[in-house]
Amino acid sequence: MSGLTIYLPLDSAAAAMGADDVADALSAEAAKRKIALTLVRTGSRGMHWLEPLVEIEKDGKRIGYGPVGEDDAAAILDAATGGGDHEKCVGPVEDIPFFKNQTRLIFARCGVVDPVSVSDYEAHGGYAGLDKALKMDSAALCEEVMQSGLRGRGGAGFPAGIKWKTVAGAEADQKYIVVNADEGDSGTFADRMIMEGDPFTLIEGMTIAGVGVGATQGYIYLRSEYPIAARVLNEAIANARQAGLLGADVRGSGKAFDIEVFMGAGAYICGEETSLLNSLEGKRGEVRAKPPLPALEGLFGKPTLVHNVISLCSVPAIFEKGAAFYRDYGMGKSTGTMPFQIAGNVKHGGLYETAFGVTLRELVEEVGGGTFSGRPIRTVQIGGPLGAYLPPRLFDLKMDYETMIEHGAGVGHGGLVVYDDSINLADQARYAFEFCVEESCGKCTPCRVGSVRGVETVDRIKAGVDRDKNLTVLNDLCELMVDGSLCAMGGMTPIPVQSAVKYFPEDFGIKPAVKAAE
């Protein structure tokens, strides 16, 4: 019979659920039936409860089947070749409510294209942004980013345009673009997904940034736990270089820019930009004092633009469609879209990209479907292991930088970890300190020693030993870590602790305050 094309993710989440075995089974079954099968290994669509998700194109739409096991191969091929339907058919993938209601600017191609095919990327609009950027001068490029309102997606939310202008204005014989792909926060996987599923978006964003600030060399600092991302990135970079999209003469513009992937050694602290730069230079991953800022004296002492993966992946759409188009998404000073990662005890975990302004309740209850256990949600931690724990009464807050900051929380990298009512927040507070003990670089005393004292103090509170005095010690200790730590590792560790005490005092043996009658 004629050929058949099937799409199946190579994404780490899908692979962990047996996608590679499914691929082998489909290939073997197709060979047995003498079907010319083209198996395209894509990225994930982000609906992790359906992985492995097989997609077959019919009448211009991709019909999904999931979660599929290797034993389903024969029935899937029957369905694909007109021999009936399959019980695991989920219909047109883009009509699934979780997927259909998203605004995908960054992840538009993820799960659709062959991740390492330049032609496939270009056929879906790729490199349109770079083509426009190559016709602009440095000042115009930096101003476009400034006007878009793009803020760093790594957690701090610093205006990207200010960074670009600072690096562009620095005088030096060499400048660098460094991508922080050391995605270490629990419950976050957006960086991994885009690097595995659509790496050219990152490559294009880095190239535009290089042209904009005058950098000729880029480095992707990738965490060692991402071997699939490393393989896909390196293949995509080689293909881009071969196509003239990287190297000494990018797109025939006469401008040079190239990229290298650097594998980290697994230290959480290297998610902090100055520790990352030290590691990249072959030194111990340890925090540097600021100033000087990396934008002026960064990698090897040269001006360096350090950005998170998603920050740079936002850049191609800004240049393709214009700053005003991008700025129209979101709310206030939080412009554009954010890939929220819904994880933990949740029914429909995955990646959901939408504009800033969506509420936490919409994300975890409507999109996520509530808890996997079926028990009530007690809290959601926002922004990784150093993020705040928020109670259900705050779930109607808008997810934007300013609103979250007003309530002692932060958007962070967009990770949301859901917990049901079986969780004990005193245990989670202890874990925050314990995490800091394990991951601190040890350079400053408030972080190195404060985290150890924090574990001991929480243990005394849990045991009921001088509870009031130790709660005072805990508060003082958190204040010291915030004010005295060199970087956000120590400075943010108190956030989950203080939010746990504030919103869930009963777990610390504190009687909740009784509201006075109005």
Protein backbone atom coordinates (compact mmCIF):
# COMPACT_ATOMS: atom_id res chain seq x y z
CA MET A 1 0.00 0.00 0.00
CA SER A 2 1.00 3.68 -0.12
CA GLY A 3 3.11 5.27 2.56
CA LEU A 4 1.93 6.27 6.03
CA THR A 5 3.25 9.06 8.28
CA ILE A 6 2.95 8.78 12.04
CA TYR A 7 4.09 11.39 14.57
CA LEU A 8 5.43 10.24 17.94
CA PRO A 9 7.32 12.32 20.55
CA LEU A 10 10.97 11.76 21.38
CA ASP A 11 10.44 14.05 24.40
CA SER A 12 11.84 12.83 27.74
CA ALA A 13 8.39 12.57 29.33
CA ALA A 14 7.09 10.46 26.46
CA ALA A 15 10.28 8.37 26.43
CA ALA A 16 9.88 7.72 30.15
CA MET A 17 6.42 6.34 29.40
CA GLY A 18 7.70 3.98 26.70
CA ALA A 19 7.60 6.05 23.50
CA ASP A 20 10.77 4.43 22.14
CA ASP A 21 9.25 0.97 22.60
CA VAL A 22 6.10 2.15 20.83
CA ALA A 23 8.24 3.45 17.96
CA ASP A 24 9.98 0.09 17.61
CA ALA A 25 6.67 -1.78 17.72
CA LEU A 26 5.08 0.46 15.08
CA SER A 27 8.09 0.08 12.79
CA ALA A 28 8.12 -3.70 13.19
CA GLU A 29 4.37 -4.01 12.57
CA ALA A 30 4.57 -1.75 9.51
CA ALA A 31 7.43 -3.81 8.10
CA LYS A 32 5.41 -7.00 8.63
CA ARG A 33 2.54 -5.50 6.63
CA LYS A 34 4.87 -4.04 4.02
CA ILE A 35 3.70 -0.50 4.81
CA ALA A 36 6.15 2.27 3.93
CA LEU A 37 6.07 3.98 7.32
CA THR A 38 7.57 7.42 7.94
CA LEU A 39 7.86 7.80 11.70
CA VAL A 40 8.49 11.44 12.64
CA ARG A 41 9.82 11.82 16.18
CA THR A 42 8.49 15.18 17.30
CA GLY A 43 8.46 17.06 20.58
CA SER A 44 5.61 16.70 23.05
CA ARG A 45 2.35 18.65 22.81
CA GLY A 46 2.56 19.02 26.59
CA MET A 47 -0.39 16.80 27.58
CA HIS A 48 1.63 14.44 29.71
CA TRP A 49 -1.25 12.26 30.89
CA LEU A 50 -1.68 11.17 27.25
CA GLU A 51 1.95 10.23 26.65
CA PRO A 52 3.01 8.43 24.57
CA LEU A 53 0.68 10.30 22.20
CA VAL A 54 0.62 8.93 18.64
CA GLU A 55 -0.68 11.27 15.92
CA ILE A 56 -1.88 10.27 12.46
CA GLU A 57 -2.85 12.88 9.86
CA LYS A 58 -6.34 12.46 8.38
CA ASP A 59 -8.14 15.04 6.23
CA GLY A 60 -5.69 17.75 7.21
CA LYS A 61 -6.00 17.10 10.96
CA ARG A 62 -3.81 15.08 13.27
CA ILE A 63 -5.83 12.47 15.11
CA GLY A 64 -4.38 11.47 18.46
CA TYR A 65 -4.17 8.13 20.23
CA GLY A 66 -2.97 7.96 23.79
CA PRO A 67 -1.62 6.91 26.08
CA VAL A 68 -0.35 4.19 23.75
CA GLY A 69 1.68 1.12 24.63
CA GLU A 70 3.72 -1.15 22.35
CA ASP A 71 0.89 -3.70 22.45
CA ASP A 72 -1.33 -1.17 20.68
CA ALA A 73 0.80 -1.01 17.52
CA ALA A 74 -1.27 -3.40 15.41
CA ALA A 75 -4.60 -1.76 16.33
CA ILE A 76 -3.15 1.70 15.72
CA LEU A 77 -2.08 0.68 12.21
CA ASP A 78 -5.54 -0.83 11.64
CA ALA A 79 -7.08 2.51 12.57
CA ALA A 80 -4.60 4.42 10.45
CA THR A 81 -5.26 2.32 7.36
CA GLY A 82 -9.05 2.48 7.61
CA GLY A 83 -9.66 -0.70 9.55
CA GLY A 84 -11.78 0.91 12.26
CA ASP A 85 -11.22 3.16 15.25
CA HIS A 86 -9.31 2.58 18.45
CA GLU A 87 -10.42 2.85 22.07
CA LYS A 88 -7.52 5.18 22.82
CA CYS A 89 -8.44 7.65 20.08
CA VAL A 90 -8.72 11.15 21.57
CA GLY A 91 -9.84 12.82 18.34
CA PRO A 92 -8.20 15.80 16.64
CA VAL A 93 -5.32 16.78 18.93
CA GLU A 94 -5.82 20.51 18.53
CA ASP A 95 -9.49 20.18 19.57
CA ILE A 96 -8.62 18.71 22.99
CA PRO A 97 -9.75 21.40 25.50
CA PHE A 98 -6.37 21.45 27.28
CA PHE A 99 -4.64 22.21 23.98
CA LYS A 100 -7.31 24.17 22.13
CA ASN A 101 -7.63 26.98 24.65
CA GLN A 102 -3.93 27.90 24.71
CA THR A 103 -2.17 30.88 23.14
CA ARG A 104 0.97 29.34 21.71
CA LEU A 105 3.54 31.90 20.59
CA ILE A 106 6.62 30.07 21.90
CA PHE A 107 5.42 26.48 21.61
CA ALA A 108 3.47 26.86 18.35
CA ARG A 109 5.69 24.33 16.54
CA CYS A 110 6.44 22.01 19.46
CA GLY A 111 4.94 18.60 18.77
CA VAL A 112 4.26 19.58 15.16
CA VAL A 113 7.66 19.72 13.44
CA ASP A 114 10.63 17.42 13.14
CA PRO A 115 12.90 19.08 15.75
CA VAL A 116 16.11 18.77 13.73
CA SER A 117 14.78 19.69 10.28
CA VAL A 118 15.65 23.21 9.12
CA SER A 119 13.23 22.96 6.21
CA ASP A 120 10.37 21.85 8.46
CA TYR A 121 11.07 24.75 10.82
CA GLU A 122 11.08 27.25 7.96
CA ALA A 123 7.92 25.75 6.47
CA HIS A 124 6.17 26.58 9.73
CA GLY A 125 7.32 30.21 9.83
CA GLY A 126 10.75 29.75 11.30
CA TYR A 127 13.54 32.29 10.63
CA ALA A 128 11.07 34.99 9.54
CA GLY A 129 12.10 36.91 12.65
CA LEU A 130 15.82 36.60 11.90
CA ASP A 131 15.29 37.75 8.32
CA LYS A 132 13.72 40.97 9.61
CA ALA A 133 16.33 41.39 12.34
CA LEU A 134 19.22 41.17 9.87
CA LYS A 135 17.87 44.29 8.13
CA MET A 136 17.92 46.32 11.37
CA ASP A 137 20.81 47.98 13.20
CA SER A 138 21.76 47.23 16.79
CA ALA A 139 19.90 50.20 18.28
CA ALA A 140 16.68 49.29 16.47
CA LEU A 141 16.95 45.65 17.51
CA CYS A 142 17.40 46.53 21.17
CA GLU A 143 14.56 49.06 21.02
CA GLU A 144 12.21 46.46 19.52
CA VAL A 145 12.85 44.16 22.49
CA MET A 146 12.40 47.11 24.85
CA GLN A 147 9.08 48.08 23.27
CA SER A 148 7.80 44.50 23.43
CA GLY A 149 7.96 44.59 27.22
CA LEU A 150 9.63 41.17 27.31
CA ARG A 151 10.84 40.29 30.80
CA GLY A 152 13.21 37.52 31.80
CA ARG A 153 11.38 34.22 32.13
CA GLY A 154 13.95 32.66 34.46
CA GLY A 155 12.27 34.03 37.58
CA ALA A 156 13.49 37.58 38.20
CA GLY A 157 11.31 39.18 35.50
CA PHE A 158 13.96 41.79 34.66
CA PRO A 159 13.24 43.81 31.46
CA ALA A 160 15.10 42.08 28.63
CA GLY A 161 15.52 45.29 26.63
CA ILE A 162 17.63 46.89 29.37
CA LYS A 163 20.00 43.92 29.31
CA TRP A 164 20.27 44.09 25.53
CA LYS A 165 21.01 47.81 25.52
CA THR A 166 23.62 47.45 28.26
CA VAL A 167 25.54 44.72 26.44
CA ALA A 168 25.17 46.48 23.08
CA GLY A 169 26.57 49.69 24.54
CA ALA A 170 29.60 48.04 26.16
CA GLU A 171 32.87 48.34 24.25
CA ALA A 172 34.84 45.11 23.91
CA ASP A 173 36.63 42.99 21.34
CA GLN A 174 34.39 40.02 22.17
CA LYS A 175 30.85 39.61 23.49
CA TYR A 176 28.86 36.50 24.35
CA ILE A 177 25.32 35.18 24.51
CA VAL A 178 24.89 32.65 27.33
CA VAL A 179 21.70 30.63 27.71
CA ASN A 180 20.81 29.44 31.18
CA ALA A 181 19.35 26.01 30.40
CA ASP A 182 20.12 24.62 33.86
CA GLU A 183 16.43 24.01 34.56
CA GLY A 184 16.68 22.77 38.14
CA ASP A 185 13.37 23.84 39.71
CA SER A 186 11.03 21.03 40.70
CA GLY A 187 7.88 20.99 38.60
CA THR A 188 9.45 22.84 35.66
CA PHE A 189 10.11 21.39 32.22
CA ALA A 190 9.39 24.13 29.67
CA ASP A 191 13.07 24.60 28.79
CA ARG A 192 13.53 20.87 28.23
CA MET A 193 10.37 20.59 26.15
CA ILE A 194 11.27 23.41 23.76
CA MET A 195 14.89 22.26 23.39
CA GLU A 196 13.77 18.72 22.61
CA GLY A 197 10.76 19.67 20.50
CA ASP A 198 11.69 22.90 18.70
CA PRO A 199 15.38 23.76 19.24
CA PHE A 200 15.55 26.11 16.24
CA THR A 201 13.35 28.58 18.13
CA LEU A 202 16.14 28.89 20.70
CA ILE A 203 18.84 28.94 18.02
CA GLU A 204 17.01 31.68 16.12
CA GLY A 205 16.43 33.71 19.28
CA MET A 206 20.11 33.46 20.24
CA THR A 207 21.18 34.49 16.74
CA ILE A 208 18.93 37.55 16.77
CA ALA A 209 20.30 38.46 20.19
CA GLY A 210 23.87 38.04 18.95
CA VAL A 211 23.22 40.36 16.02
CA GLY A 212 21.48 42.81 18.33
CA VAL A 213 24.22 43.18 20.95
CA GLY A 214 27.26 42.47 18.78
CA ALA A 215 28.07 39.00 20.12
CA THR A 216 29.59 36.40 17.83
CA GLN A 217 29.60 33.37 20.13
CA GLY A 218 26.81 31.74 22.08
CA TYR A 219 26.82 29.01 24.72
CA ILE A 220 23.91 26.91 25.93
CA TYR A 221 24.61 25.80 29.51
CA LEU A 222 22.59 22.60 29.67
CA ARG A 223 21.96 20.51 32.76
CA SER A 224 23.51 17.06 32.65
CA GLU A 225 20.16 15.38 33.33
CA TYR A 226 18.94 16.31 29.82
CA PRO A 227 20.68 13.85 27.45
CA ILE A 228 17.86 13.90 24.85
CA ALA A 229 17.92 17.70 24.76
CA ALA A 230 21.71 17.60 24.32
CA ARG A 231 21.46 15.21 21.37
CA VAL A 232 18.66 17.17 19.67
CA LEU A 233 20.34 20.54 20.23
CA ASN A 234 23.68 19.42 18.87
CA GLU A 235 22.09 17.90 15.77
CA ALA A 236 19.98 21.00 15.18
CA ILE A 237 23.01 23.29 15.61
CA ALA A 238 25.00 21.21 13.11
CA ASN A 239 22.12 21.37 10.62
CA ALA A 240 21.76 25.14 11.09
CA ARG A 241 25.48 25.58 10.52
CA GLN A 242 25.33 23.48 7.36
CA ALA A 243 22.41 25.58 6.10
CA GLY A 244 24.35 28.81 6.61
CA LEU A 245 22.24 29.89 9.56
CA LEU A 246 25.22 29.82 11.92
CA GLY A 247 28.89 30.48 11.33
CA ALA A 248 30.97 33.24 9.81
CA ASP A 249 28.28 34.52 7.44
CA VAL A 250 24.78 34.11 8.90
CA ARG A 251 22.17 34.02 6.14
CA GLY A 252 24.61 35.81 3.80
CA SER A 253 24.52 38.92 6.00
CA GLY A 254 28.25 39.13 6.60
CA LYS A 255 27.58 38.80 10.34
CA ALA A 256 29.08 35.98 12.38
CA PHE A 257 27.43 33.97 15.14
CA ASP A 258 27.92 30.41 16.33
CA ILE A 259 26.66 28.25 19.20
CA GLU A 260 28.12 25.55 21.43
CA VAL A 261 26.36 23.32 23.97
CA PHE A 262 28.08 23.03 27.35
CA MET A 263 26.97 20.29 29.76
CA GLY A 264 26.80 21.24 33.43
CA ALA A 265 27.64 18.86 36.26
CA GLY A 266 24.31 18.88 38.07
CA ALA A 267 24.62 21.76 40.56
CA TYR A 268 21.37 23.65 41.29
CA ILE A 269 23.36 26.77 42.21
CA CYS A 270 24.57 26.99 38.60
CA GLY A 271 21.08 28.16 37.72
CA GLU A 272 22.28 31.46 39.25
CA GLU A 273 23.92 33.39 36.42
CA THR A 274 27.28 34.19 38.00
CA SER A 275 27.75 30.62 39.27
CA LEU A 276 26.87 29.45 35.77
CA LEU A 277 29.54 31.73 34.27
CA ASN A 278 32.15 30.40 36.68
CA SER A 279 31.24 26.83 35.74
CA LEU A 280 31.37 27.71 32.05
CA GLU A 281 34.89 29.03 32.59
CA GLY A 282 35.92 25.73 34.20
CA LYS A 283 35.83 27.06 37.74
CA ARG A 284 33.87 25.95 40.79
CA GLY A 285 30.18 26.81 40.49
CA GLU A 286 30.19 29.58 43.06
CA VAL A 287 28.39 32.90 43.24
CA ARG A 288 30.22 36.07 42.22
CA ALA A 289 29.67 39.34 44.02
CA LYS A 290 27.98 42.09 41.99
CA PRO A 291 29.04 44.55 40.64
CA PRO A 292 30.43 44.08 38.08
CA LEU A 293 27.32 42.97 36.25
CA PRO A 294 27.65 40.12 33.71
CA ALA A 295 26.33 42.51 31.05
CA LEU A 296 29.60 44.44 31.42
CA GLU A 297 32.04 41.82 32.74
CA GLY A 298 30.61 38.36 32.31
CA LEU A 299 32.07 35.29 30.63
CA PHE A 300 35.88 35.56 30.57
CA GLY A 301 35.47 39.14 31.74
CA LYS A 302 33.66 40.18 28.53
CA PRO A 303 30.18 41.73 28.12
CA THR A 304 27.70 38.87 28.24
CA LEU A 305 23.96 38.67 27.65
CA VAL A 306 22.68 35.93 29.99
CA HIS A 307 19.12 34.83 29.35
CA ASN A 308 16.83 31.97 30.26
CA VAL A 309 15.77 29.58 27.46
CA ILE A 310 12.16 30.79 27.30
CA SER A 311 13.28 34.44 27.27
CA LEU A 312 15.24 33.86 24.05
CA CYS A 313 12.56 31.60 22.59
CA SER A 314 10.16 34.56 22.88
CA VAL A 315 12.38 36.69 20.63
CA PRO A 316 11.59 35.19 17.15
CA ALA A 317 7.86 35.94 17.49
CA ILE A 318 8.62 39.52 18.58
CA PHE A 319 10.63 40.18 15.44
CA GLU A 320 8.38 38.21 13.11
CA LYS A 321 5.16 39.92 14.20
CA GLY A 322 6.37 43.12 15.85
CA ALA A 323 6.73 44.44 19.38
CA ALA A 324 3.16 45.79 19.45
CA PHE A 325 1.71 42.38 18.53
CA TYR A 326 3.62 40.74 21.39
CA ARG A 327 2.85 43.53 23.87
CA ASP A 328 -0.90 43.14 23.28
CA TYR A 329 -0.81 39.81 25.10
CA GLY A 330 -0.73 39.78 28.89
CA MET A 331 -1.54 42.54 31.35
CA GLY A 332 0.22 45.62 32.71
CA LYS A 333 3.97 45.19 32.80
CA SER A 334 3.63 41.44 32.28
CA THR A 335 3.48 41.22 28.49
CA GLY A 336 3.41 38.22 26.18
CA THR A 337 2.72 34.61 27.08
CA MET A 338 4.05 32.24 29.72
CA PRO A 339 4.34 28.46 29.47
CA PHE A 340 2.87 27.35 32.81
CA GLN A 341 3.95 23.89 33.86
CA ILE A 342 1.31 22.08 35.91
CA ALA A 343 2.74 19.24 37.99
CA GLY A 344 2.45 17.41 41.30
CA ASN A 345 -0.78 15.80 42.48
CA VAL A 346 -2.85 16.87 39.47
CA LYS A 347 -5.12 15.01 37.07
CA HIS A 348 -3.99 16.66 33.83
CA GLY A 349 -0.38 17.63 34.26
CA GLY A 350 1.55 19.25 31.45
CA LEU A 351 2.53 22.50 29.79
CA TYR A 352 -0.08 25.18 29.15
CA GLU A 353 0.99 28.36 27.33
CA THR A 354 -1.24 31.38 27.74
CA ALA A 355 -1.07 35.13 28.24
CA PHE A 356 -0.32 36.60 31.66
CA GLY A 357 -3.51 37.34 33.57
CA VAL A 358 -4.92 33.84 33.83
CA THR A 359 -5.80 32.89 37.42
CA LEU A 360 -4.23 30.15 39.45
CA ARG A 361 -7.66 28.58 39.89
CA GLU A 362 -8.18 28.37 36.14
CA LEU A 363 -4.82 26.67 35.72
CA VAL A 364 -5.02 24.05 38.45
CA GLU A 365 -8.76 23.39 38.68
CA GLU A 366 -10.12 23.94 35.17
CA VAL A 367 -7.06 23.18 33.02
CA GLY A 368 -5.38 20.75 35.41
CA GLY A 369 -8.64 19.09 36.42
CA GLY A 370 -7.95 19.15 40.16
CA THR A 371 -5.95 16.57 42.05
CA PHE A 372 -5.06 13.15 40.71
CA SER A 373 -5.99 11.67 44.09
CA GLY A 374 -9.46 13.23 43.98
CA ARG A 375 -8.90 14.92 47.35
CA PRO A 376 -9.26 18.70 47.79
CA ILE A 377 -6.34 20.92 46.79
CA ARG A 378 -4.71 22.33 49.91
CA THR A 379 -1.94 24.38 48.33
CA VAL A 380 -0.02 25.13 45.16
CA GLN A 381 3.65 26.01 45.20
CA ILE A 382 4.53 28.55 42.53
CA GLY A 383 8.02 28.98 41.08
CA GLY A 384 9.99 25.92 42.11
CA PRO A 385 11.38 24.70 45.45
CA LEU A 386 12.04 28.28 46.59
CA GLY A 387 8.55 29.50 45.67
CA ALA A 388 5.60 30.38 47.89
CA TYR A 389 2.84 28.02 48.99
CA LEU A 390 -0.53 29.66 48.33
CA PRO A 391 -3.87 28.54 49.83
CA PRO A 392 -7.11 28.13 47.83
CA ARG A 393 -8.45 31.49 49.01
CA LEU A 394 -5.76 33.15 46.88
CA PHE A 395 -6.34 31.04 43.78
CA ASP A 396 -8.27 33.84 42.06
CA LEU A 397 -5.19 36.05 41.91
CA LYS A 398 -4.03 36.94 38.41
CA MET A 399 -0.82 35.25 37.36
CA ASP A 400 1.40 38.23 36.59
CA TYR A 401 4.63 39.53 38.09
CA GLU A 402 3.22 42.46 40.08
CA THR A 403 0.22 40.64 41.55
CA MET A 404 2.33 37.72 42.70
CA ILE A 405 4.94 40.00 44.28
CA GLU A 406 2.21 41.88 46.18
CA HIS A 407 1.26 38.59 47.85
CA GLY A 408 4.77 37.43 48.70
CA ALA A 409 5.02 35.06 45.76
CA GLY A 410 6.49 35.09 42.26
CA VAL A 411 5.72 33.72 38.82
CA GLY A 412 9.24 32.29 38.71
CA HIS A 413 9.79 29.94 35.79
CA GLY A 414 6.06 29.21 35.59
CA GLY A 415 6.13 25.95 37.53
CA LEU A 416 3.03 25.02 39.56
CA VAL A 417 3.15 22.05 41.93
CA VAL A 418 -0.23 20.93 43.29
CA TYR A 419 -0.71 19.30 46.72
CA ASP A 420 -3.86 17.78 48.18
CA ASP A 421 -5.03 18.03 51.80
CA SER A 422 -2.73 15.24 52.98
CA ILE A 423 0.33 17.51 52.79
CA ASN A 424 1.96 18.91 55.94
CA LEU A 425 3.41 22.37 55.37
CA ALA A 426 5.82 22.18 58.31
CA ASP A 427 7.44 19.26 56.51
CA GLN A 428 7.60 21.36 53.35
CA ALA A 429 9.23 24.25 55.23
CA ARG A 430 11.84 21.86 56.54
CA TYR A 431 12.41 20.59 53.02
CA ALA A 432 13.08 24.14 51.77
CA PHE A 433 15.92 24.53 54.29
CA GLU A 434 17.16 20.99 53.64
CA PHE A 435 17.22 21.70 49.90
CA CYS A 436 19.32 24.80 50.53
CA VAL A 437 21.73 22.78 52.71
CA GLU A 438 22.30 20.38 49.83
CA GLU A 439 22.51 22.93 47.02
CA SER A 440 24.22 25.99 48.56
CA CYS A 441 27.58 26.83 47.01
CA GLY A 442 28.78 27.67 50.54
CA LYS A 443 30.31 31.03 49.74
CA CYS A 444 28.22 33.14 52.11
CA THR A 445 27.47 32.41 55.75
CA PRO A 446 23.74 33.32 55.80
CA CYS A 447 22.99 30.66 53.19
CA ARG A 448 25.57 28.03 54.19
CA VAL A 449 24.93 28.13 57.95
CA GLY A 450 21.44 29.62 57.99
CA SER A 451 19.96 26.71 56.07
CA VAL A 452 21.39 24.19 58.58
CA ARG A 453 20.05 26.22 61.51
CA GLY A 454 16.72 26.40 59.69
CA VAL A 455 16.37 22.61 59.55
CA GLU A 456 17.17 22.38 63.27
CA THR A 457 14.72 25.15 64.18
CA VAL A 458 11.82 23.64 62.22
CA ASP A 459 12.51 20.27 63.83
CA ARG A 460 12.23 21.88 67.29
CA ILE A 461 8.98 23.61 66.32
CA LYS A 462 7.51 20.35 65.01
CA ALA A 463 8.53 18.62 68.24
CA GLY A 464 6.85 21.34 70.32
CA VAL A 465 10.10 22.45 71.98
CA ASP A 466 9.84 26.10 73.08
CA ARG A 467 7.58 26.67 70.11
CA ASP A 468 7.06 30.44 70.54
CA LYS A 469 10.76 31.13 71.04
CA ASN A 470 11.74 28.98 68.08
CA LEU A 471 9.13 30.65 65.86
CA THR A 472 10.84 33.95 66.73
CA VAL A 473 14.21 32.42 65.88
CA LEU A 474 12.77 31.13 62.59
CA ASN A 475 11.49 34.59 61.67
CA ASP A 476 14.84 36.23 62.53
CA LEU A 477 16.72 33.56 60.60
CA CYS A 478 14.58 34.13 57.50
CA GLU A 479 15.14 37.88 57.74
CA LEU A 480 18.90 37.37 58.00
CA MET A 481 18.98 35.04 54.97
CA VAL A 482 16.97 37.49 52.85
CA ASP A 483 19.11 40.50 53.77
CA GLY A 484 22.53 38.87 53.97
CA SER A 485 22.76 36.20 51.26
CA LEU A 486 24.85 36.91 48.18
CA CYS A 487 22.33 35.45 45.74
CA ALA A 488 18.75 34.27 45.42
CA MET A 489 19.59 30.77 46.68
CA GLY A 490 19.77 31.96 50.28
CA GLY A 491 17.63 35.01 49.70
CA MET A 492 14.64 33.04 48.44
CA THR A 493 14.79 29.98 50.70
CA PRO A 494 12.70 31.85 53.32
CA ILE A 495 9.84 32.38 50.83
CA PRO A 496 8.36 28.85 51.06
CA VAL A 497 9.04 28.81 54.80
CA GLN A 498 7.33 32.12 55.56
CA SER A 499 4.38 31.40 53.27
CA ALA A 500 3.88 28.01 54.96
CA VAL A 501 3.83 29.63 58.41
CA LYS A 502 1.60 32.50 57.27
CA TYR A 503 -1.06 30.51 55.44
CA PHE A 504 -0.91 27.17 57.26
CA PRO A 505 -0.06 28.06 60.89
CA GLU A 506 -1.86 25.01 62.28
CA ASP A 507 0.86 22.76 60.83
CA PHE A 508 3.35 24.54 63.06
CA GLY A 509 1.21 24.21 66.19
CA ILE A 510 0.00 27.79 65.92
CA LYS A 511 -3.68 28.52 66.49
CA PRO A 512 -5.01 30.49 63.49
CA ALA A 513 -6.01 34.02 64.38
CA VAL A 514 -9.74 34.43 64.91
CA LYS A 515 -11.24 37.28 62.91
CA ALA A 516 -12.98 39.90 65.01
CA ALA A 517 -16.72 40.27 64.43
CA GLU A 518 -17.54 43.10 62.06
